[in-house]
Protein backbone atom coordinates (compact mmCIF):
# COMPACT_ATOMS: atom_id res chain seq x y z
CA UNK A 1 -28.57 8.78 -6.46
CA UNK A 2 -26.99 7.56 -3.20
CA UNK A 3 -27.30 3.88 -4.28
CA UNK A 4 -25.54 4.57 -7.65
CA UNK A 5 -22.74 6.43 -5.92
CA UNK A 6 -22.44 3.59 -3.43
CA UNK A 7 -22.24 1.05 -6.32
CA UNK A 8 -19.67 3.20 -8.13
CA UNK A 9 -17.48 3.46 -4.97
CA UNK A 10 -17.75 -0.32 -4.50
CA UNK A 11 -16.64 -0.84 -8.11
CA UNK A 12 -13.77 1.50 -7.65
CA UNK A 13 -12.73 -0.26 -4.42
CA UNK A 14 -12.95 -3.71 -6.01
CA UNK A 15 -10.83 -2.59 -8.97
CA UNK A 16 -8.24 -0.94 -6.73
CA UNK A 17 -8.00 -3.91 -4.53
CA UNK A 18 -6.36 -6.06 -7.23
CA UNK A 19 -3.59 -3.59 -8.03
CA UNK A 20 -0.18 -3.74 -6.27
CA UNK A 21 -1.38 -1.07 -3.69
CA UNK A 22 -4.47 -3.07 -2.83
CA UNK A 23 -2.34 -6.24 -2.52
CA UNK A 24 0.08 -4.54 -0.33
CA UNK A 25 -2.70 -3.46 2.02
CA UNK A 26 -4.54 -6.78 1.91
CA UNK A 27 -1.29 -8.69 2.72
CA UNK A 28 -0.62 -6.65 5.83
CA UNK A 29 -1.33 -7.92 9.29
CA UNK A 30 -4.26 -5.51 9.49
CA UNK A 31 -7.69 -7.09 9.71
CA UNK A 32 -10.63 -5.45 7.87
CA UNK A 33 -12.00 -2.68 10.20
CA UNK A 34 -8.75 -2.13 12.04
CA UNK A 35 -7.77 1.08 10.39
CA UNK A 36 -10.29 2.65 7.85
CA UNK A 37 -7.44 4.94 6.56
CA UNK A 38 -5.52 2.05 5.03
CA UNK A 39 -8.76 0.54 3.66
CA UNK A 40 -9.23 3.70 1.69
CA UNK A 41 -5.70 4.04 0.41
CA UNK A 42 -5.96 1.71 -2.61
CA UNK A 43 -9.04 3.51 -3.92
CA UNK A 44 -7.70 6.89 -3.14
CA UNK A 45 -4.29 6.30 -4.87
CA UNK A 46 -5.94 4.58 -7.85
CA UNK A 47 -8.34 7.50 -8.44
CA UNK A 48 -5.54 10.20 -7.89
CA UNK A 49 -3.06 8.34 -10.13
CA UNK A 50 -5.37 6.55 -12.56
CA UNK A 51 -2.96 7.33 -15.44
CA UNK A 52 -0.02 5.59 -13.71
CA UNK A 53 0.43 2.00 -14.64
CA UNK A 54 0.46 -0.53 -11.81
CA UNK A 55 4.05 -1.57 -12.40
CA UNK A 56 5.18 2.00 -11.67
CA UNK A 57 3.60 1.85 -8.23
CA UNK A 58 5.53 -1.19 -6.97
CA UNK A 59 7.94 0.91 -4.84
CA UNK A 60 4.93 2.77 -3.30
CA UNK A 61 3.34 -0.64 -2.60
CA UNK A 62 6.69 -1.75 -0.98
CA UNK A 63 6.59 1.30 1.19
CA UNK A 64 3.00 0.54 2.26
CA UNK A 65 3.95 -3.18 2.96
CA UNK A 66 6.78 -2.17 5.16
CA UNK A 67 4.77 0.64 6.94
CA UNK A 68 1.99 -1.84 7.77
CA UNK A 69 4.34 -4.66 8.65
CA UNK A 70 7.61 -3.31 10.00
CA UNK A 71 8.81 -6.90 10.83
CA UNK A 72 9.46 -7.39 7.09
CA UNK A 73 13.09 -7.97 6.18
CA UNK A 74 15.11 -5.24 4.58
CA UNK A 75 17.41 -5.97 1.62
CA UNK A 76 20.97 -7.24 2.46
CA UNK A 77 22.64 -4.19 0.87
CA UNK A 78 20.73 -1.86 3.33
CA UNK A 79 21.77 -3.93 6.31
CA UNK A 80 25.31 -4.35 5.23
CA UNK A 81 25.67 -0.53 4.69
CA UNK A 82 27.29 0.95 7.79
CA UNK A 83 26.00 4.48 6.86
CA UNK A 84 22.30 3.37 6.75
CA UNK A 85 20.74 3.27 10.27
CA UNK A 86 18.62 0.22 9.33
CA UNK A 87 17.66 -0.30 12.87
CA UNK A 88 15.92 3.11 12.85
CA UNK A 89 14.10 2.84 9.56
CA UNK A 90 10.47 3.61 10.17
CA UNK A 91 9.44 4.42 6.56
CA UNK A 92 11.15 2.48 3.83
CA UNK A 93 10.67 2.37 0.07
CA UNK A 94 12.32 -0.68 -1.53
């Protein structure tokens, strides 16, 4: 039973890795093994929100991208807005 469960988990992870969340994690500066939490996120989110189309998760993927790589640029309208403390943004959802 353990082998079939491991195969199923591997299949789920492979499927989740090609979605926008998986691409956001894989495009980050993290190397495999750096943080197991982020390696689980694509599978976890795809299993929890299996009914949500990938295109509806693009903002979440943007949040993950910016969380994992805070050096990414913010949009010009955020930087130009004097009321947004863009220098202090630590969690951003485009």
